[in-house]
Each structure stands twice: as structure tokens, then as C-alpha cells.
Amino acid sequence: MTLTAPRKALVGSAVALAALCLLAQWAVGFRVSEGAGQLLELLSVAGYAVAAILLLAPLGRARALMAGAVALVLMAWAVHLNARYATALDLRFGGASSWGGHRVLIATLFVGPLAGLVTGIVTFVLARLELVRWTGKHYAR
């Protein structure tokens, strides 16, 4: 199955998905409970992976290796920033302050690169097989 859409639609949906993840963490997350915050943190990482794939996989067969490498770096960076954001939200809503530094450290050193590796491989394969594409210029009217 091939996903073909205009460039604006794919980029817009990737940005909207990332913004939805951030908004869900802020609105619900740690305000409800520690478990809900951690669950939304995990779901946000998956949302960032899908957003990175929507942004980079349409680059196509010629740039598949570059798309995979950029997805790896982008995902590792997104996990690090999300861990810092989740820690700030946890502290703001009364969470354990002694745990925050460890969350960021573990996410930056282990979870981010692992999630980046998986996202990079998936992006490379999707770009190489051209399963996510932008519509051509002649369809954009």
C-alpha cells in the first residue's frame, strides 16, 4: 500500500501530530497521575516517530540513506527534548523531583538512540521502496 499525498498535507499532518502529542501531555499527562504521564510520554515518542516518517520518507529512493540518517538524529533529539518536557511537567504538577535527572539521562543515552535507530531503519525502507510519496506537480492543482 502506498501513501501518496501533497507535500503540504504530509508536512502539515506531521506538524499537527507532534503538536497534538505535546498538547496531550500538557493537558492530561501528569495532571491526572504519574502513570498517565508516563503513558502519554511513551505514546508521544511513537507519535514523533510517525511524524518523522511522514516528513522524511517521501524523499525517495535517491535519498533513502539520508532520510534514514536524518530520521535517526531527529528522533533521538525529539526523545531527549520530550524527556526534558515531561520532567518539567512532572515537577510542575507535584511529581518526584529526584527522578527527573535520571529520566532525561536514560532517555538521552538509551531510549532516544534506540528509537532513532528503529525510526531510521523504517524510514530508510519506506523511502527505498517509495511507499510514501508526494504527489507530482501535475496533480497539485
N, C-alpha and C. Protein backbone atom coordinates (compact mmCIF):
# COMPACT_ATOMS: atom_id res chain seq x y z
N MET A 1 0.84 -1.17 0.00
CA MET A 1 0.00 0.00 0.00
C MET A 1 0.89 1.24 0.00
N THR A 2 0.57 2.17 -0.86
CA THR A 2 1.36 3.39 -0.99
C THR A 2 0.56 4.58 -0.49
N LEU A 3 1.20 5.43 0.29
CA LEU A 3 0.59 6.67 0.76
C LEU A 3 1.09 7.79 -0.14
N THR A 4 0.19 8.38 -0.91
CA THR A 4 0.53 9.48 -1.81
C THR A 4 -0.34 10.67 -1.44
N ALA A 5 0.33 11.78 -1.14
CA ALA A 5 -0.39 12.98 -0.72
C ALA A 5 0.43 14.20 -1.11
N PRO A 6 -0.21 15.36 -1.18
CA PRO A 6 0.56 16.59 -1.45
C PRO A 6 1.57 16.86 -0.33
N ARG A 7 2.62 17.56 -0.69
CA ARG A 7 3.67 17.86 0.28
C ARG A 7 3.12 18.63 1.47
N LYS A 8 2.27 19.60 1.22
CA LYS A 8 1.70 20.40 2.32
C LYS A 8 0.88 19.54 3.27
N ALA A 9 0.18 18.55 2.73
CA ALA A 9 -0.64 17.68 3.58
C ALA A 9 0.23 16.80 4.47
N LEU A 10 1.31 16.24 3.92
CA LEU A 10 2.19 15.38 4.73
C LEU A 10 2.94 16.18 5.79
N VAL A 11 3.47 17.33 5.40
CA VAL A 11 4.19 18.16 6.37
C VAL A 11 3.23 18.69 7.42
N GLY A 12 2.06 19.13 6.99
CA GLY A 12 1.07 19.64 7.94
C GLY A 12 0.59 18.59 8.91
N SER A 13 0.38 17.38 8.42
CA SER A 13 -0.06 16.32 9.33
C SER A 13 1.06 15.91 10.29
N ALA A 14 2.30 15.96 9.86
CA ALA A 14 3.42 15.65 10.76
C ALA A 14 3.54 16.70 11.86
N VAL A 15 3.43 17.96 11.50
CA VAL A 15 3.50 19.04 12.49
C VAL A 15 2.30 18.96 13.43
N ALA A 16 1.12 18.70 12.89
CA ALA A 16 -0.08 18.60 13.73
C ALA A 16 0.02 17.42 14.69
N LEU A 17 0.58 16.31 14.25
CA LEU A 17 0.74 15.15 15.11
C LEU A 17 1.70 15.44 16.26
N ALA A 18 2.81 16.09 15.96
CA ALA A 18 3.77 16.45 17.01
C ALA A 18 3.15 17.44 17.99
N ALA A 19 2.41 18.41 17.48
CA ALA A 19 1.75 19.38 18.35
C ALA A 19 0.67 18.72 19.21
N LEU A 20 -0.05 17.76 18.64
CA LEU A 20 -1.06 17.03 19.40
C LEU A 20 -0.43 16.24 20.54
N CYS A 21 0.72 15.65 20.28
CA CYS A 21 1.43 14.91 21.33
C CYS A 21 1.83 15.83 22.48
N LEU A 22 2.37 17.00 22.14
CA LEU A 22 2.76 17.96 23.17
C LEU A 22 1.55 18.46 23.96
N LEU A 23 0.48 18.76 23.24
CA LEU A 23 -0.73 19.26 23.89
C LEU A 23 -1.37 18.21 24.80
N ALA A 24 -1.38 16.96 24.36
CA ALA A 24 -1.95 15.89 25.19
C ALA A 24 -1.15 15.71 26.46
N GLN A 25 0.17 15.79 26.36
CA GLN A 25 0.99 15.66 27.57
C GLN A 25 0.72 16.82 28.52
N TRP A 26 0.58 18.02 27.98
CA TRP A 26 0.36 19.18 28.84
C TRP A 26 -1.05 19.14 29.46
N ALA A 27 -2.05 18.80 28.65
CA ALA A 27 -3.43 18.87 29.11
C ALA A 27 -3.81 17.73 30.05
N VAL A 28 -3.34 16.53 29.78
CA VAL A 28 -3.75 15.38 30.58
C VAL A 28 -2.61 14.87 31.43
N GLY A 29 -1.60 14.33 30.78
CA GLY A 29 -0.40 13.77 31.36
C GLY A 29 -0.29 13.68 32.86
N PHE A 30 0.62 14.43 33.41
CA PHE A 30 0.93 14.34 34.84
C PHE A 30 -0.11 15.03 35.72
N ARG A 31 -1.05 15.76 35.12
CA ARG A 31 -2.14 16.34 35.91
C ARG A 31 -3.03 15.24 36.49
N VAL A 32 -3.20 14.16 35.73
CA VAL A 32 -4.05 13.06 36.18
C VAL A 32 -3.31 12.18 37.17
N SER A 33 -2.18 11.63 36.74
CA SER A 33 -1.38 10.78 37.62
C SER A 33 -0.02 10.55 37.00
N GLU A 34 0.86 9.96 37.77
CA GLU A 34 2.20 9.64 37.28
C GLU A 34 2.14 8.61 36.15
N GLY A 35 1.27 7.62 36.29
CA GLY A 35 1.13 6.58 35.27
C GLY A 35 0.60 7.14 33.96
N ALA A 36 -0.37 8.04 34.04
CA ALA A 36 -0.92 8.64 32.83
C ALA A 36 0.14 9.50 32.13
N GLY A 37 0.95 10.18 32.91
CA GLY A 37 2.02 10.98 32.33
C GLY A 37 3.05 10.13 31.61
N GLN A 38 3.42 9.01 32.22
CA GLN A 38 4.40 8.13 31.59
C GLN A 38 3.82 7.46 30.34
N LEU A 39 2.54 7.10 30.39
CA LEU A 39 1.89 6.51 29.21
C LEU A 39 1.85 7.50 28.06
N LEU A 40 1.47 8.74 28.35
CA LEU A 40 1.44 9.74 27.29
C LEU A 40 2.83 10.09 26.79
N GLU A 41 3.83 9.98 27.66
CA GLU A 41 5.21 10.20 27.22
C GLU A 41 5.61 9.12 26.21
N LEU A 42 5.26 7.89 26.46
CA LEU A 42 5.55 6.79 25.55
C LEU A 42 4.77 6.94 24.25
N LEU A 43 3.51 7.29 24.33
CA LEU A 43 2.70 7.47 23.12
C LEU A 43 3.20 8.66 22.29
N SER A 44 3.72 9.66 22.97
CA SER A 44 4.28 10.81 22.25
C SER A 44 5.52 10.42 21.46
N VAL A 45 6.34 9.55 22.02
CA VAL A 45 7.52 9.08 21.29
C VAL A 45 7.08 8.36 20.01
N ALA A 46 6.05 7.55 20.09
CA ALA A 46 5.52 6.88 18.89
C ALA A 46 4.96 7.91 17.91
N GLY A 47 4.30 8.92 18.41
CA GLY A 47 3.78 9.98 17.54
C GLY A 47 4.89 10.75 16.84
N TYR A 48 5.98 11.03 17.55
CA TYR A 48 7.12 11.70 16.93
C TYR A 48 7.75 10.83 15.86
N ALA A 49 7.77 9.52 16.07
CA ALA A 49 8.32 8.61 15.06
C ALA A 49 7.48 8.66 13.78
N VAL A 50 6.18 8.63 13.93
CA VAL A 50 5.30 8.70 12.76
C VAL A 50 5.47 10.05 12.06
N ALA A 51 5.59 11.12 12.83
CA ALA A 51 5.79 12.44 12.24
C ALA A 51 7.11 12.50 11.46
N ALA A 52 8.17 11.92 12.01
CA ALA A 52 9.45 11.91 11.30
C ALA A 52 9.36 11.10 10.01
N ILE A 53 8.64 10.01 10.05
CA ILE A 53 8.47 9.19 8.85
C ILE A 53 7.69 9.95 7.79
N LEU A 54 6.63 10.65 8.19
CA LEU A 54 5.84 11.43 7.23
C LEU A 54 6.65 12.57 6.63
N LEU A 55 7.57 13.12 7.40
CA LEU A 55 8.40 14.20 6.89
C LEU A 55 9.50 13.70 5.94
N LEU A 56 10.12 12.58 6.26
CA LEU A 56 11.35 12.19 5.58
C LEU A 56 11.22 11.06 4.56
N ALA A 57 10.27 10.17 4.72
CA ALA A 57 10.16 9.04 3.79
C ALA A 57 9.84 9.45 2.36
N PRO A 58 9.11 10.55 2.12
CA PRO A 58 8.83 10.92 0.73
C PRO A 58 10.04 11.42 -0.06
N LEU A 59 11.21 11.50 0.56
CA LEU A 59 12.39 11.96 -0.17
C LEU A 59 12.78 11.00 -1.29
N GLY A 60 12.37 9.76 -1.19
CA GLY A 60 12.51 8.84 -2.30
C GLY A 60 13.76 7.98 -2.28
N ARG A 61 13.85 7.16 -3.33
CA ARG A 61 14.90 6.16 -3.45
C ARG A 61 16.29 6.77 -3.51
N ALA A 62 16.44 7.90 -4.17
CA ALA A 62 17.76 8.50 -4.34
C ALA A 62 18.32 9.03 -3.01
N ARG A 63 17.46 9.41 -2.11
CA ARG A 63 17.91 9.98 -0.84
C ARG A 63 17.48 9.13 0.35
N ALA A 64 17.33 7.86 0.16
CA ALA A 64 16.85 6.98 1.22
C ALA A 64 17.81 6.90 2.40
N LEU A 65 19.10 6.81 2.13
CA LEU A 65 20.08 6.74 3.20
C LEU A 65 20.11 8.03 4.01
N MET A 66 20.03 9.16 3.32
CA MET A 66 19.98 10.44 4.01
C MET A 66 18.71 10.56 4.85
N ALA A 67 17.58 10.13 4.31
CA ALA A 67 16.32 10.19 5.05
C ALA A 67 16.39 9.35 6.32
N GLY A 68 16.96 8.16 6.22
CA GLY A 68 17.11 7.30 7.40
C GLY A 68 18.03 7.89 8.43
N ALA A 69 19.15 8.49 7.99
CA ALA A 69 20.09 9.10 8.94
C ALA A 69 19.50 10.32 9.62
N VAL A 70 18.79 11.14 8.87
CA VAL A 70 18.16 12.32 9.46
C VAL A 70 17.05 11.89 10.42
N ALA A 71 16.32 10.85 10.08
CA ALA A 71 15.28 10.34 10.98
C ALA A 71 15.88 9.85 12.29
N LEU A 72 17.03 9.19 12.22
CA LEU A 72 17.71 8.72 13.43
C LEU A 72 18.06 9.89 14.33
N VAL A 73 18.69 10.92 13.78
CA VAL A 73 19.10 12.08 14.56
C VAL A 73 17.89 12.85 15.08
N LEU A 74 16.90 13.04 14.23
CA LEU A 74 15.70 13.79 14.62
C LEU A 74 14.95 13.08 15.74
N MET A 75 14.86 11.77 15.65
CA MET A 75 14.15 11.01 16.67
C MET A 75 14.90 11.02 18.00
N ALA A 76 16.22 10.85 17.96
CA ALA A 76 16.99 10.89 19.20
C ALA A 76 16.87 12.25 19.87
N TRP A 77 16.89 13.30 19.08
CA TRP A 77 16.75 14.65 19.62
C TRP A 77 15.34 14.87 20.17
N ALA A 78 14.33 14.39 19.47
CA ALA A 78 12.94 14.55 19.93
C ALA A 78 12.71 13.81 21.24
N VAL A 79 13.29 12.63 21.41
CA VAL A 79 13.13 11.89 22.66
C VAL A 79 13.81 12.64 23.81
N HIS A 80 14.98 13.20 23.55
CA HIS A 80 15.66 13.98 24.59
C HIS A 80 14.83 15.19 25.00
N LEU A 81 14.34 15.95 24.02
CA LEU A 81 13.53 17.13 24.33
C LEU A 81 12.22 16.75 25.01
N ASN A 82 11.63 15.63 24.60
CA ASN A 82 10.39 15.19 25.23
C ASN A 82 10.62 14.77 26.67
N ALA A 83 11.77 14.16 26.96
CA ALA A 83 12.08 13.79 28.34
C ALA A 83 12.24 15.03 29.21
N ARG A 84 12.88 16.05 28.68
CA ARG A 84 13.01 17.31 29.43
C ARG A 84 11.65 17.96 29.65
N TYR A 85 10.79 17.92 28.63
CA TYR A 85 9.45 18.49 28.73
C TYR A 85 8.61 17.72 29.74
N ALA A 86 8.67 16.40 29.68
CA ALA A 86 7.91 15.58 30.62
C ALA A 86 8.39 15.78 32.05
N THR A 87 9.69 15.95 32.23
CA THR A 87 10.23 16.21 33.57
C THR A 87 9.74 17.54 34.09
N ALA A 88 9.72 18.55 33.23
CA ALA A 88 9.23 19.87 33.65
C ALA A 88 7.75 19.79 34.02
N LEU A 89 6.96 19.05 33.26
CA LEU A 89 5.54 18.90 33.59
C LEU A 89 5.35 18.12 34.88
N ASP A 90 6.16 17.08 35.07
CA ASP A 90 6.08 16.28 36.29
C ASP A 90 6.38 17.13 37.52
N LEU A 91 7.41 17.93 37.44
CA LEU A 91 7.76 18.80 38.56
C LEU A 91 6.71 19.86 38.80
N ARG A 92 6.13 20.38 37.73
CA ARG A 92 5.12 21.42 37.85
C ARG A 92 3.86 20.92 38.55
N PHE A 93 3.51 19.68 38.28
CA PHE A 93 2.28 19.14 38.85
C PHE A 93 2.53 18.24 40.06
N GLY A 94 3.65 18.44 40.73
CA GLY A 94 3.88 17.80 42.03
C GLY A 94 4.52 16.44 42.01
N GLY A 95 5.30 16.12 40.99
CA GLY A 95 5.94 14.82 40.92
C GLY A 95 7.23 14.76 41.72
N ALA A 96 7.90 13.63 41.63
CA ALA A 96 9.14 13.41 42.37
C ALA A 96 10.29 14.16 41.70
N SER A 97 10.88 15.10 42.39
CA SER A 97 11.93 15.91 41.79
C SER A 97 13.26 15.17 41.70
N SER A 98 13.49 14.14 42.51
CA SER A 98 14.76 13.44 42.49
C SER A 98 14.90 12.52 41.28
N TRP A 99 13.82 12.21 40.61
CA TRP A 99 13.79 11.27 39.50
C TRP A 99 14.04 11.95 38.16
N GLY A 100 13.83 13.26 38.09
CA GLY A 100 13.83 13.98 36.82
C GLY A 100 15.12 13.88 36.04
N GLY A 101 16.26 14.05 36.72
CA GLY A 101 17.53 13.97 36.02
C GLY A 101 17.80 12.59 35.45
N HIS A 102 17.38 11.58 36.17
CA HIS A 102 17.57 10.21 35.68
C HIS A 102 16.71 9.92 34.46
N ARG A 103 15.50 10.47 34.43
CA ARG A 103 14.62 10.29 33.27
C ARG A 103 15.27 10.86 32.02
N VAL A 104 15.81 12.07 32.15
CA VAL A 104 16.45 12.70 31.00
C VAL A 104 17.71 11.93 30.57
N LEU A 105 18.49 11.48 31.55
CA LEU A 105 19.71 10.74 31.24
C LEU A 105 19.40 9.43 30.52
N ILE A 106 18.47 8.67 31.03
CA ILE A 106 18.12 7.38 30.41
C ILE A 106 17.52 7.59 29.02
N ALA A 107 16.66 8.60 28.89
CA ALA A 107 16.05 8.86 27.58
C ALA A 107 17.10 9.31 26.58
N THR A 108 18.05 10.13 27.01
CA THR A 108 19.05 10.66 26.09
C THR A 108 20.06 9.60 25.67
N LEU A 109 20.49 8.78 26.60
CA LEU A 109 21.55 7.81 26.30
C LEU A 109 21.06 6.49 25.72
N PHE A 110 19.86 6.07 26.09
CA PHE A 110 19.41 4.74 25.68
C PHE A 110 18.15 4.76 24.83
N VAL A 111 17.09 5.36 25.33
CA VAL A 111 15.80 5.31 24.64
C VAL A 111 15.85 6.09 23.33
N GLY A 112 16.42 7.28 23.34
CA GLY A 112 16.49 8.10 22.14
C GLY A 112 17.24 7.44 20.99
N PRO A 113 18.48 6.99 21.22
CA PRO A 113 19.18 6.33 20.12
C PRO A 113 18.50 5.04 19.64
N LEU A 114 17.90 4.28 20.55
CA LEU A 114 17.21 3.06 20.13
C LEU A 114 15.97 3.41 19.30
N ALA A 115 15.18 4.36 19.77
CA ALA A 115 14.01 4.79 18.99
C ALA A 115 14.45 5.42 17.67
N GLY A 116 15.55 6.15 17.68
CA GLY A 116 16.07 6.73 16.46
C GLY A 116 16.53 5.68 15.46
N LEU A 117 17.15 4.63 15.96
CA LEU A 117 17.61 3.55 15.09
C LEU A 117 16.42 2.86 14.42
N VAL A 118 15.40 2.56 15.20
CA VAL A 118 14.21 1.91 14.64
C VAL A 118 13.52 2.83 13.63
N THR A 119 13.37 4.10 13.99
CA THR A 119 12.73 5.05 13.08
C THR A 119 13.56 5.25 11.82
N GLY A 120 14.86 5.31 11.97
CA GLY A 120 15.73 5.47 10.81
C GLY A 120 15.65 4.29 9.86
N ILE A 121 15.62 3.08 10.39
CA ILE A 121 15.52 1.90 9.54
C ILE A 121 14.17 1.86 8.83
N VAL A 122 13.10 2.14 9.56
CA VAL A 122 11.76 2.15 8.94
C VAL A 122 11.68 3.23 7.87
N THR A 123 12.22 4.41 8.15
CA THR A 123 12.21 5.50 7.16
C THR A 123 13.02 5.12 5.94
N PHE A 124 14.20 4.52 6.14
CA PHE A 124 15.03 4.08 5.02
C PHE A 124 14.28 3.09 4.14
N VAL A 125 13.65 2.11 4.76
CA VAL A 125 12.94 1.08 3.98
C VAL A 125 11.77 1.69 3.22
N LEU A 126 11.00 2.55 3.89
CA LEU A 126 9.86 3.17 3.22
C LEU A 126 10.30 4.09 2.09
N ALA A 127 11.41 4.81 2.29
CA ALA A 127 11.91 5.69 1.23
C ALA A 127 12.48 4.86 0.08
N ARG A 128 13.19 3.80 0.41
CA ARG A 128 13.80 2.96 -0.62
C ARG A 128 12.73 2.29 -1.49
N LEU A 129 11.66 1.83 -0.86
CA LEU A 129 10.57 1.18 -1.61
C LEU A 129 9.58 2.19 -2.18
N GLU A 130 9.76 3.47 -1.85
CA GLU A 130 8.88 4.56 -2.28
C GLU A 130 7.42 4.29 -1.93
N LEU A 131 7.18 3.90 -0.68
CA LEU A 131 5.82 3.63 -0.22
C LEU A 131 5.12 4.86 0.33
N VAL A 132 5.87 5.91 0.61
CA VAL A 132 5.28 7.20 1.00
C VAL A 132 5.81 8.22 0.00
N ARG A 133 4.88 8.86 -0.71
CA ARG A 133 5.29 9.77 -1.79
C ARG A 133 4.49 11.06 -1.74
N TRP A 134 5.13 12.10 -2.29
CA TRP A 134 4.40 13.33 -2.55
C TRP A 134 3.75 13.20 -3.92
N THR A 135 2.62 13.88 -4.10
CA THR A 135 2.00 13.89 -5.42
C THR A 135 2.87 14.71 -6.35
N GLY A 136 2.78 14.38 -7.63
CA GLY A 136 3.57 15.12 -8.62
C GLY A 136 3.04 16.53 -8.80
N LYS A 137 3.83 17.35 -9.47
CA LYS A 137 3.46 18.74 -9.70
C LYS A 137 2.20 18.84 -10.55
N HIS A 138 1.99 17.92 -11.47
CA HIS A 138 0.83 17.99 -12.37
C HIS A 138 -0.47 17.62 -11.64
N TYR A 139 -0.39 17.04 -10.44
CA TYR A 139 -1.59 16.73 -9.68
C TYR A 139 -1.94 17.81 -8.67
N ALA A 140 -1.11 18.79 -8.49
CA ALA A 140 -1.24 19.73 -7.38
C ALA A 140 -2.27 20.83 -7.61
N ARG A 141 -2.98 20.84 -8.71
CA ARG A 141 -3.92 21.93 -8.96
C ARG A 141 -5.07 21.85 -8.07
